[in-house]
PDB file of all heavy atoms in Angstrom:
ATOM      1  N   LEU A   1       0.882  -1.201  -0.037  1.00  0.00           N
ATOM      2  CA  LEU A   1       0.019  -0.020   0.011  1.00  0.00           C
ATOM      3  C   LEU A   1       0.868   1.257   0.014  1.00  0.00           C
ATOM      4  O   LEU A   1       1.660   1.443   0.950  1.00  0.00           O
ATOM      5  CB  LEU A   1      -0.895   0.005   1.274  1.00  0.00           C
ATOM      6  CG  LEU A   1      -1.983   1.063   1.330  1.00  0.00           C
ATOM      7  CD1 LEU A   1      -2.932   1.039   0.158  1.00  0.00           C
ATOM      8  CD2 LEU A   1      -2.726   0.956   2.659  1.00  0.00           C
ATOM      9  N   HIS A   2       0.788   1.978  -1.087  1.00  0.00           N
ATOM     10  CA  HIS A   2       1.544   3.260  -1.173  1.00  0.00           C
ATOM     11  C   HIS A   2       0.758   4.398  -0.532  1.00  0.00           C
ATOM     12  O   HIS A   2      -0.389   4.651  -0.852  1.00  0.00           O
ATOM     13  CB  HIS A   2       1.803   3.620  -2.625  1.00  0.00           C
ATOM     14  CG  HIS A   2       2.758   4.772  -2.890  1.00  0.00           C
ATOM     15  ND1 HIS A   2       2.720   5.531  -4.010  1.00  0.00           N
ATOM     16  CD2 HIS A   2       3.664   5.346  -2.032  1.00  0.00           C
ATOM     17  CE1 HIS A   2       3.647   6.446  -3.869  1.00  0.00           C
ATOM     18  NE2 HIS A   2       4.225   6.359  -2.705  1.00  0.00           N
ATOM     19  N   ASP A   3       1.407   5.077   0.416  1.00  0.00           N
ATOM     20  CA  ASP A   3       0.766   6.166   1.190  1.00  0.00           C
ATOM     21  C   ASP A   3       1.640   7.427   0.992  1.00  0.00           C
ATOM     22  O   ASP A   3       2.402   7.792   1.893  1.00  0.00           O
ATOM     23  CB  ASP A   3       0.632   5.763   2.635  1.00  0.00           C
ATOM     24  CG  ASP A   3      -0.094   6.767   3.471  1.00  0.00           C
ATOM     25  OD1 ASP A   3      -0.668   7.757   2.916  1.00  0.00           O
ATOM     26  OD2 ASP A   3      -0.083   6.597   4.715  1.00  0.00           O
ATOM     27  N   PRO A   4       1.529   8.102  -0.138  1.00  0.00           N
ATOM     28  CA  PRO A   4       2.482   9.192  -0.451  1.00  0.00           C
ATOM     29  C   PRO A   4       2.560  10.341   0.548  1.00  0.00           C
ATOM     30  O   PRO A   4       3.610  10.849   0.783  1.00  0.00           O
ATOM     31  CB  PRO A   4       1.973   9.704  -1.800  1.00  0.00           C
ATOM     32  CG  PRO A   4       1.168   8.571  -2.403  1.00  0.00           C
ATOM     33  CD  PRO A   4       0.529   7.898  -1.186  1.00  0.00           C
ATOM     34  N   ASP A   5       1.404  10.700   1.110  1.00  0.00           N
ATOM     35  CA  ASP A   5       1.363  11.870   2.024  1.00  0.00           C
ATOM     36  C   ASP A   5       1.127  11.474   3.509  1.00  0.00           C
ATOM     37  O   ASP A   5       1.060  12.329   4.370  1.00  0.00           O
ATOM     38  CB  ASP A   5       0.328  12.885   1.601  1.00  0.00           C
ATOM     39  CG  ASP A   5      -1.112  12.310   1.595  1.00  0.00           C
ATOM     40  OD1 ASP A   5      -1.245  11.119   1.948  1.00  0.00           O
ATOM     41  OD2 ASP A   5      -2.032  13.065   1.226  1.00  0.00           O
ATOM     42  N   GLY A   6       1.063  10.175   3.810  1.00  0.00           N
ATOM     43  CA  GLY A   6       0.918   9.712   5.165  1.00  0.00           C
ATOM     44  C   GLY A   6      -0.531   9.782   5.663  1.00  0.00           C
ATOM     45  O   GLY A   6      -0.820   9.397   6.820  1.00  0.00           O
ATOM     46  N   SER A   7      -1.502  10.173   4.801  1.00  0.00           N
ATOM     47  CA  SER A   7      -2.868  10.291   5.234  1.00  0.00           C
ATOM     48  C   SER A   7      -3.559   8.967   5.521  1.00  0.00           C
ATOM     49  O   SER A   7      -4.401   8.870   6.409  1.00  0.00           O
ATOM     50  CB  SER A   7      -3.639  11.062   4.145  1.00  0.00           C
ATOM     51  OG  SER A   7      -3.684  10.378   2.916  1.00  0.00           O
ATOM     52  N   ILE A   8      -3.186   7.904   4.784  1.00  0.00           N
ATOM     53  CA  ILE A   8      -3.754   6.582   5.009  1.00  0.00           C
ATOM     54  C   ILE A   8      -3.414   6.112   6.432  1.00  0.00           C
ATOM     55  O   ILE A   8      -4.250   5.589   7.122  1.00  0.00           O
ATOM     56  CB  ILE A   8      -3.336   5.614   3.966  1.00  0.00           C
ATOM     57  CG1 ILE A   8      -3.810   6.011   2.556  1.00  0.00           C
ATOM     58  CG2 ILE A   8      -3.774   4.182   4.319  1.00  0.00           C
ATOM     59  CD1 ILE A   8      -3.298   5.103   1.454  1.00  0.00           C
ATOM     60  N   LYS A   9      -2.144   6.280   6.794  1.00  0.00           N
ATOM     61  CA  LYS A   9      -1.785   5.842   8.129  1.00  0.00           C
ATOM     62  C   LYS A   9      -2.561   6.566   9.199  1.00  0.00           C
ATOM     63  O   LYS A   9      -3.017   5.987  10.165  1.00  0.00           O
ATOM     64  CB  LYS A   9      -0.276   6.112   8.364  1.00  0.00           C
ATOM     65  CG  LYS A   9       0.197   5.750   9.735  1.00  0.00           C
ATOM     66  CD  LYS A   9       1.692   6.108   9.941  1.00  0.00           C
ATOM     67  CE  LYS A   9       2.160   5.693  11.351  1.00  0.00           C
ATOM     68  NZ  LYS A   9       1.366   6.327  12.440  1.00  0.00           N
ATOM     69  N   GLU A  10      -2.791   7.892   9.004  1.00  0.00           N
ATOM     70  CA  GLU A  10      -3.507   8.685   9.977  1.00  0.00           C
ATOM     71  C   GLU A  10      -4.955   8.195  10.046  1.00  0.00           C
ATOM     72  O   GLU A  10      -5.508   8.045  11.157  1.00  0.00           O
ATOM     73  CB  GLU A  10      -3.490  10.171   9.564  1.00  0.00           C
ATOM     74  CG  GLU A  10      -2.120  10.795   9.727  1.00  0.00           C
ATOM     75  CD  GLU A  10      -2.071  12.244   9.243  1.00  0.00           C
ATOM     76  OE1 GLU A  10      -3.224  12.794   8.875  1.00  0.00           O
ATOM     77  OE2 GLU A  10      -1.025  12.876   9.295  1.00  0.00           O
ATOM     78  N   LYS A  11      -5.599   7.890   8.921  1.00  0.00           N
ATOM     79  CA  LYS A  11      -6.965   7.378   8.959  1.00  0.00           C
ATOM     80  C   LYS A  11      -7.036   6.020   9.621  1.00  0.00           C
ATOM     81  O   LYS A  11      -7.967   5.796  10.463  1.00  0.00           O
ATOM     82  CB  LYS A  11      -7.474   7.259   7.500  1.00  0.00           C
ATOM     83  CG  LYS A  11      -7.709   8.584   6.808  1.00  0.00           C
ATOM     84  CD  LYS A  11      -8.206   8.304   5.355  1.00  0.00           C
ATOM     85  CE  LYS A  11      -8.372   9.580   4.588  1.00  0.00           C
ATOM     86  NZ  LYS A  11      -8.754   9.354   3.155  1.00  0.00           N
ATOM     87  N   VAL A  12      -6.100   5.155   9.284  1.00  0.00           N
ATOM     88  CA  VAL A  12      -6.112   3.827   9.943  1.00  0.00           C
ATOM     89  C   VAL A  12      -5.926   3.857  11.351  1.00  0.00           C
ATOM     90  O   VAL A  12      -6.620   3.218  12.122  1.00  0.00           O
ATOM     91  CB  VAL A  12      -5.050   2.902   9.220  1.00  0.00           C
ATOM     92  CG1 VAL A  12      -4.908   1.578   9.958  1.00  0.00           C
ATOM     93  CG2 VAL A  12      -5.412   2.643   7.772  1.00  0.00           C
ATOM     94  N   ASP A  13      -4.941   4.604  11.782  1.00  0.00           N
ATOM     95  CA  ASP A  13      -4.644   4.718  13.257  1.00  0.00           C
ATOM     96  C   ASP A  13      -5.848   5.227  14.036  1.00  0.00           C
ATOM     97  O   ASP A  13      -6.177   4.756  15.103  1.00  0.00           O
ATOM     98  CB  ASP A  13      -3.463   5.611  13.489  1.00  0.00           C
ATOM     99  CG  ASP A  13      -2.137   4.933  13.112  1.00  0.00           C
ATOM    100  OD1 ASP A  13      -2.094   3.733  12.888  1.00  0.00           O
ATOM    101  OD2 ASP A  13      -1.149   5.655  13.009  1.00  0.00           O
ATOM    102  N   GLN A  14      -6.501   6.249  13.435  1.00  0.00           N
ATOM    103  CA  GLN A  14      -7.708   6.802  14.162  1.00  0.00           C
ATOM    104  C   GLN A  14      -8.870   5.829  14.200  1.00  0.00           C
ATOM    105  O   GLN A  14      -9.509   5.635  15.199  1.00  0.00           O
ATOM    106  CB  GLN A  14      -8.124   8.085  13.397  1.00  0.00           C
ATOM    107  CG  GLN A  14      -9.384   8.760  14.041  1.00  0.00           C
ATOM    108  CD  GLN A  14      -9.783  10.085  13.356  1.00  0.00           C
ATOM    109  OE1 GLN A  14      -9.023  10.591  12.515  1.00  0.00           O
ATOM    110  NE2 GLN A  14     -10.926  10.579  13.661  1.00  0.00           N
ATOM    111  N   TYR A  15      -9.063   5.091  13.030  1.00  0.00           N
ATOM    112  CA  TYR A  15     -10.158   4.144  12.979  1.00  0.00           C
ATOM    113  C   TYR A  15      -9.931   2.991  13.957  1.00  0.00           C
ATOM    114  O   TYR A  15     -10.837   2.566  14.692  1.00  0.00           O
ATOM    115  CB  TYR A  15     -10.304   3.618  11.568  1.00  0.00           C
ATOM    116  CG  TYR A  15     -11.514   2.805  11.304  1.00  0.00           C
ATOM    117  CD1 TYR A  15     -12.705   3.368  10.952  1.00  0.00           C
ATOM    118  CD2 TYR A  15     -11.548   1.397  11.522  1.00  0.00           C
ATOM    119  CE1 TYR A  15     -13.861   2.611  10.772  1.00  0.00           C
ATOM    120  CE2 TYR A  15     -12.664   0.642  11.330  1.00  0.00           C
ATOM    121  CZ  TYR A  15     -13.833   1.251  10.961  1.00  0.00           C
ATOM    122  OH  TYR A  15     -14.966   0.509  10.780  1.00  0.00           O
ATOM    123  N   VAL A  16      -8.714   2.495  13.980  1.00  0.00           N
ATOM    124  CA  VAL A  16      -8.384   1.360  14.870  1.00  0.00           C
ATOM    125  C   VAL A  16      -8.532   1.767  16.328  1.00  0.00           C
ATOM    126  O   VAL A  16      -8.887   1.005  17.178  1.00  0.00           O
ATOM    127  CB  VAL A  16      -6.976   0.775  14.552  1.00  0.00           C
ATOM    128  CG1 VAL A  16      -6.550  -0.224  15.601  1.00  0.00           C
ATOM    129  CG2 VAL A  16      -6.981   0.125  13.171  1.00  0.00           C
ATOM    130  N   ASN A  17      -8.110   2.990  16.607  1.00  0.00           N
ATOM    131  CA  ASN A  17      -8.186   3.502  17.944  1.00  0.00           C
ATOM    132  C   ASN A  17      -9.697   3.568  18.461  1.00  0.00           C
ATOM    133  O   ASN A  17      -9.978   3.435  19.630  1.00  0.00           O
ATOM    134  CB  ASN A  17      -7.592   4.920  18.062  1.00  0.00           C
ATOM    135  CG  ASN A  17      -7.496   5.445  19.488  1.00  0.00           C
ATOM    136  OD1 ASN A  17      -6.973   4.760  20.361  1.00  0.00           O
ATOM    137  ND2 ASN A  17      -7.987   6.652  19.721  1.00  0.00           N
ATOM    138  N   GLU A  18     -10.603   3.815  17.490  1.00  0.00           N
ATOM    139  CA  GLU A  18     -12.003   3.867  17.811  1.00  0.00           C
ATOM    140  C   GLU A  18     -12.715   2.524  17.695  1.00  0.00           C
ATOM    141  O   GLU A  18     -13.787   2.329  18.206  1.00  0.00           O
ATOM    142  CB  GLU A  18     -12.681   4.913  16.870  1.00  0.00           C
ATOM    143  CG  GLU A  18     -12.173   6.374  17.087  1.00  0.00           C
ATOM    144  CD  GLU A  18     -12.658   7.293  15.996  1.00  0.00           C
ATOM    145  OE1 GLU A  18     -13.334   6.819  15.091  1.00  0.00           O
ATOM    146  OE2 GLU A  18     -12.389   8.526  16.121  1.00  0.00           O
ATOM    147  N   HIS A  19     -12.108   1.631  16.957  1.00  0.00           N
ATOM    148  CA  HIS A  19     -12.720   0.271  16.709  1.00  0.00           C
ATOM    149  C   HIS A  19     -11.632  -0.759  16.943  1.00  0.00           C
ATOM    150  O   HIS A  19     -11.023  -1.299  16.039  1.00  0.00           O
ATOM    151  CB  HIS A  19     -13.269   0.151  15.328  1.00  0.00           C
ATOM    152  CG  HIS A  19     -14.187   1.251  14.892  1.00  0.00           C
ATOM    153  ND1 HIS A  19     -13.780   2.509  14.442  1.00  0.00           N
ATOM    154  CD2 HIS A  19     -15.573   1.295  14.846  1.00  0.00           C
ATOM    155  CE1 HIS A  19     -14.820   3.200  14.170  1.00  0.00           C
ATOM    156  NE2 HIS A  19     -15.924   2.543  14.349  1.00  0.00           N
ATOM    157  N   HIS A  20     -11.392  -1.072  18.231  1.00  0.00           N
ATOM    158  CA  HIS A  20     -10.275  -1.895  18.575  1.00  0.00           C
ATOM    159  C   HIS A  20     -10.223  -3.283  18.011  1.00  0.00           C
ATOM    160  O   HIS A  20      -9.184  -3.876  17.810  1.00  0.00           O
ATOM    161  CB  HIS A  20     -10.182  -1.996  20.130  1.00  0.00           C
ATOM    162  CG  HIS A  20     -10.045  -0.707  20.828  1.00  0.00           C
ATOM    163  ND1 HIS A  20      -8.900   0.057  20.733  1.00  0.00           N
ATOM    164  CD2 HIS A  20     -10.898   0.045  21.638  1.00  0.00           C
ATOM    165  CE1 HIS A  20      -9.019   1.202  21.432  1.00  0.00           C
ATOM    166  NE2 HIS A  20     -10.213   1.192  21.977  1.00  0.00           N
ATOM    167  N   ARG A  21     -11.412  -3.851  17.730  1.00  0.00           N
ATOM    168  CA  ARG A  21     -11.508  -5.179  17.228  1.00  0.00           C
ATOM    169  C   ARG A  21     -11.744  -5.283  15.741  1.00  0.00           C
ATOM    170  O   ARG A  21     -12.096  -6.360  15.198  1.00  0.00           O
ATOM    171  CB  ARG A  21     -12.632  -5.949  17.961  1.00  0.00           C
ATOM    172  CG  ARG A  21     -12.382  -6.076  19.477  1.00  0.00           C
ATOM    173  CD  ARG A  21     -13.435  -6.939  20.119  1.00  0.00           C
ATOM    174  NE  ARG A  21     -13.237  -7.094  21.541  1.00  0.00           N
ATOM    175  CZ  ARG A  21     -14.007  -7.807  22.381  1.00  0.00           C
ATOM    176  NH1 ARG A  21     -15.084  -8.444  21.867  1.00  0.00           N
ATOM    177  NH2 ARG A  21     -13.740  -7.924  23.654  1.00  0.00           N
ATOM    178  N   ALA A  22     -11.547  -4.177  15.036  1.00  0.00           N
ATOM    179  CA  ALA A  22     -11.780  -4.161  13.606  1.00  0.00           C
ATOM    180  C   ALA A  22     -10.857  -5.081  12.858  1.00  0.00           C
ATOM    181  O   ALA A  22      -9.622  -5.104  13.218  1.00  0.00           O
ATOM    182  CB  ALA A  22     -11.639  -2.725  13.093  1.00  0.00           C
ATOM    183  N   SER A  23     -11.348  -5.810  11.890  1.00  0.00           N
ATOM    184  CA  SER A  23     -10.540  -6.708  11.044  1.00  0.00           C
ATOM    185  C   SER A  23      -9.866  -5.876   9.959  1.00  0.00           C
ATOM    186  O   SER A  23     -10.186  -4.724   9.706  1.00  0.00           O
ATOM    187  CB  SER A  23     -11.394  -7.777  10.400  1.00  0.00           C
ATOM    188  OG  SER A  23     -12.345  -7.154   9.490  1.00  0.00           O
ATOM    189  N   PHE A  24      -8.878  -6.545   9.318  1.00  0.00           N
ATOM    190  CA  PHE A  24      -8.242  -5.848   8.231  1.00  0.00           C
ATOM    191  C   PHE A  24      -9.270  -5.431   7.123  1.00  0.00           C
ATOM    192  O   PHE A  24      -9.190  -4.302   6.619  1.00  0.00           O
ATOM    193  CB  PHE A  24      -7.126  -6.735   7.597  1.00  0.00           C
ATOM    194  CG  PHE A  24      -6.532  -6.210   6.392  1.00  0.00           C
ATOM    195  CD1 PHE A  24      -5.478  -5.250   6.483  1.00  0.00           C
ATOM    196  CD2 PHE A  24      -6.974  -6.540   5.070  1.00  0.00           C
ATOM    197  CE1 PHE A  24      -4.933  -4.691   5.303  1.00  0.00           C
ATOM    198  CE2 PHE A  24      -6.428  -5.979   3.959  1.00  0.00           C
ATOM    199  CZ  PHE A  24      -5.363  -5.038   4.095  1.00  0.00           C
ATOM    200  N   GLU A  25     -10.135  -6.328   6.766  1.00  0.00           N
ATOM    201  CA  GLU A  25     -11.126  -6.094   5.746  1.00  0.00           C
ATOM    202  C   GLU A  25     -11.999  -4.900   6.086  1.00  0.00           C
ATOM    203  O   GLU A  25     -12.321  -4.090   5.212  1.00  0.00           O
ATOM    204  CB  GLU A  25     -11.996  -7.304   5.523  1.00  0.00           C
ATOM    205  CG  GLU A  25     -11.273  -8.476   4.824  1.00  0.00           C
ATOM    206  CD  GLU A  25     -10.272  -9.175   5.758  1.00  0.00           C
ATOM    207  OE1 GLU A  25     -10.423  -9.102   6.997  1.00  0.00           O
ATOM    208  OE2 GLU A  25      -9.379  -9.870   5.167  1.00  0.00           O
ATOM    209  N   GLU A  26     -12.387  -4.745   7.366  1.00  0.00           N
ATOM    210  CA  GLU A  26     -13.208  -3.654   7.836  1.00  0.00           C
ATOM    211  C   GLU A  26     -12.417  -2.363   7.693  1.00  0.00           C
ATOM    212  O   GLU A  26     -12.969  -1.313   7.200  1.00  0.00           O
ATOM    213  CB  GLU A  26     -13.699  -3.884   9.261  1.00  0.00           C
ATOM    214  CG  GLU A  26     -14.539  -2.738   9.820  1.00  0.00           C
ATOM    215  CD  GLU A  26     -14.882  -2.911  11.282  1.00  0.00           C
ATOM    216  OE1 GLU A  26     -14.795  -4.083  11.755  1.00  0.00           O
ATOM    217  OE2 GLU A  26     -15.217  -1.938  11.968  1.00  0.00           O
ATOM    218  N   VAL A  27     -11.186  -2.366   8.130  1.00  0.00           N
ATOM    219  CA  VAL A  27     -10.347  -1.137   8.076  1.00  0.00           C
ATOM    220  C   VAL A  27     -10.086  -0.729   6.616  1.00  0.00           C
ATOM    221  O   VAL A  27     -10.098   0.438   6.257  1.00  0.00           O
ATOM    222  CB  VAL A  27      -9.008  -1.333   8.847  1.00  0.00           C
ATOM    223  CG1 VAL A  27      -8.121  -0.145   8.665  1.00  0.00           C
ATOM    224  CG2 VAL A  27      -9.323  -1.605  10.321  1.00  0.00           C
ATOM    225  N   GLU A  28      -9.789  -1.722   5.775  1.00  0.00           N
ATOM    226  CA  GLU A  28      -9.574  -1.479   4.353  1.00  0.00           C
ATOM    227  C   GLU A  28     -10.752  -0.794   3.771  1.00  0.00           C
ATOM    228  O   GLU A  28     -10.609   0.238   2.972  1.00  0.00           O
ATOM    229  CB  GLU A  28      -9.267  -2.803   3.603  1.00  0.00           C
ATOM    230  CG  GLU A  28      -9.064  -2.573   2.098  1.00  0.00           C
ATOM    231  CD  GLU A  28      -8.925  -3.912   1.383  1.00  0.00           C
ATOM    232  OE1 GLU A  28      -9.416  -4.973   1.908  1.00  0.00           O
ATOM    233  OE2 GLU A  28      -8.342  -3.873   0.285  1.00  0.00           O
ATOM    234  N   LYS A  29     -11.953  -1.265   4.011  1.00  0.00           N
ATOM    235  CA  LYS A  29     -13.150  -0.718   3.426  1.00  0.00           C
ATOM    236  C   LYS A  29     -13.385   0.695   3.914  1.00  0.00           C
ATOM    237  O   LYS A  29     -13.857   1.590   3.141  1.00  0.00           O
ATOM    238  CB  LYS A  29     -14.374  -1.529   3.806  1.00  0.00           C
ATOM    239  CG  LYS A  29     -15.718  -1.124   3.193  1.00  0.00           C
ATOM    240  CD  LYS A  29     -16.842  -2.052   3.567  1.00  0.00           C
ATOM    241  CE  LYS A  29     -18.165  -1.633   2.942  1.00  0.00           C
ATOM    242  NZ  LYS A  29     -19.255  -2.551   3.321  1.00  0.00           N
ATOM    243  N   ALA A  30     -13.078   1.024   5.183  1.00  0.00           N
ATOM    244  CA  ALA A  30     -13.324   2.304   5.766  1.00  0.00           C
ATOM    245  C   ALA A  30     -12.231   3.335   5.379  1.00  0.00           C
ATOM    246  O   ALA A  30     -12.514   4.578   5.297  1.00  0.00           O
ATOM    247  CB  ALA A  30     -13.421   2.213   7.278  1.00  0.00           C
ATOM    248  N   CYS A  31     -11.025   2.881   5.207  1.00  0.00           N
ATOM    249  CA  CYS A  31      -9.859   3.810   5.129  1.00  0.00           C
ATOM    250  C   CYS A  31      -9.155   3.817   3.755  1.00  0.00           C
ATOM    251  O   CYS A  31      -8.618   4.882   3.370  1.00  0.00           O
ATOM    252  CB  CYS A  31      -8.860   3.504   6.180  1.00  0.00           C
ATOM    253  SG  CYS A  31      -9.511   3.593   7.863  1.00  0.00           S
ATOM    254  N   PHE A  32      -9.078   2.701   3.075  1.00  0.00           N
ATOM    255  CA  PHE A  32      -8.396   2.717   1.748  1.00  0.00           C
ATOM    256  C   PHE A  32      -9.011   1.692   0.800  1.00  0.00           C
ATOM    257  O   PHE A  32      -8.336   0.849   0.274  1.00  0.00           O
ATOM    258  CB  PHE A  32      -6.870   2.439   1.951  1.00  0.00           C
ATOM    259  CG  PHE A  32      -6.537   1.211   2.802  1.00  0.00           C
ATOM    260  CD1 PHE A  32      -6.337  -0.045   2.133  1.00  0.00           C
ATOM    261  CD2 PHE A  32      -6.395   1.269   4.161  1.00  0.00           C
ATOM    262  CE1 PHE A  32      -6.022  -1.157   2.935  1.00  0.00           C
ATOM    263  CE2 PHE A  32      -6.049   0.170   4.913  1.00  0.00           C
ATOM    264  CZ  PHE A  32      -5.880  -1.097   4.278  1.00  0.00           C
ATOM    265  N   PRO A  33     -10.287   1.862   0.537  1.00  0.00           N
ATOM    266  CA  PRO A  33     -10.986   0.922  -0.389  1.00  0.00           C
ATOM    267  C   PRO A  33     -10.417   0.895  -1.773  1.00  0.00           C
ATOM    268  O   PRO A  33     -10.148   1.907  -2.380  1.00  0.00           O
ATOM    269  CB  PRO A  33     -12.483   1.487  -0.412  1.00  0.00           C
ATOM    270  CG  PRO A  33     -12.311   2.931  -0.063  1.00  0.00           C
ATOM    271  CD  PRO A  33     -11.159   3.018   0.899  1.00  0.00           C
ATOM    272  N   GLY A  34     -10.101  -0.355  -2.226  1.00  0.00           N
ATOM    273  CA  GLY A  34      -9.655  -0.534  -3.606  1.00  0.00           C
ATOM    274  C   GLY A  34      -8.206  -0.078  -3.842  1.00  0.00           C
ATOM    275  O   GLY A  34      -7.730  -0.150  -4.968  1.00  0.00           O
ATOM    276  N   MET A  35      -7.471   0.302  -2.800  1.00  0.00           N
ATOM    277  CA  MET A  35      -6.165   0.846  -2.910  1.00  0.00           C
ATOM    278  C   MET A  35      -5.029  -0.195  -2.646  1.00  0.00           C
ATOM    279  O   MET A  35      -3.881  -0.038  -3.122  1.00  0.00           O
ATOM    280  CB  MET A  35      -5.946   2.050  -2.059  1.00  0.00           C
ATOM    281  CG  MET A  35      -6.811   3.244  -2.375  1.00  0.00           C
ATOM    282  SD  MET A  35      -6.585   4.606  -1.285  1.00  0.00           S
ATOM    283  CE  MET A  35      -4.914   5.116  -1.688  1.00  0.00           C
TER     284      MET A  35
END
């Protein structure tokens, strides 16, 4: 996963912090769908 400006990491970290049990598939759909 290429994250040129670091925004994907920020989205993922925030989402996981709010959804501790989220699966990879759930996080992918919410933060970087199709990427």
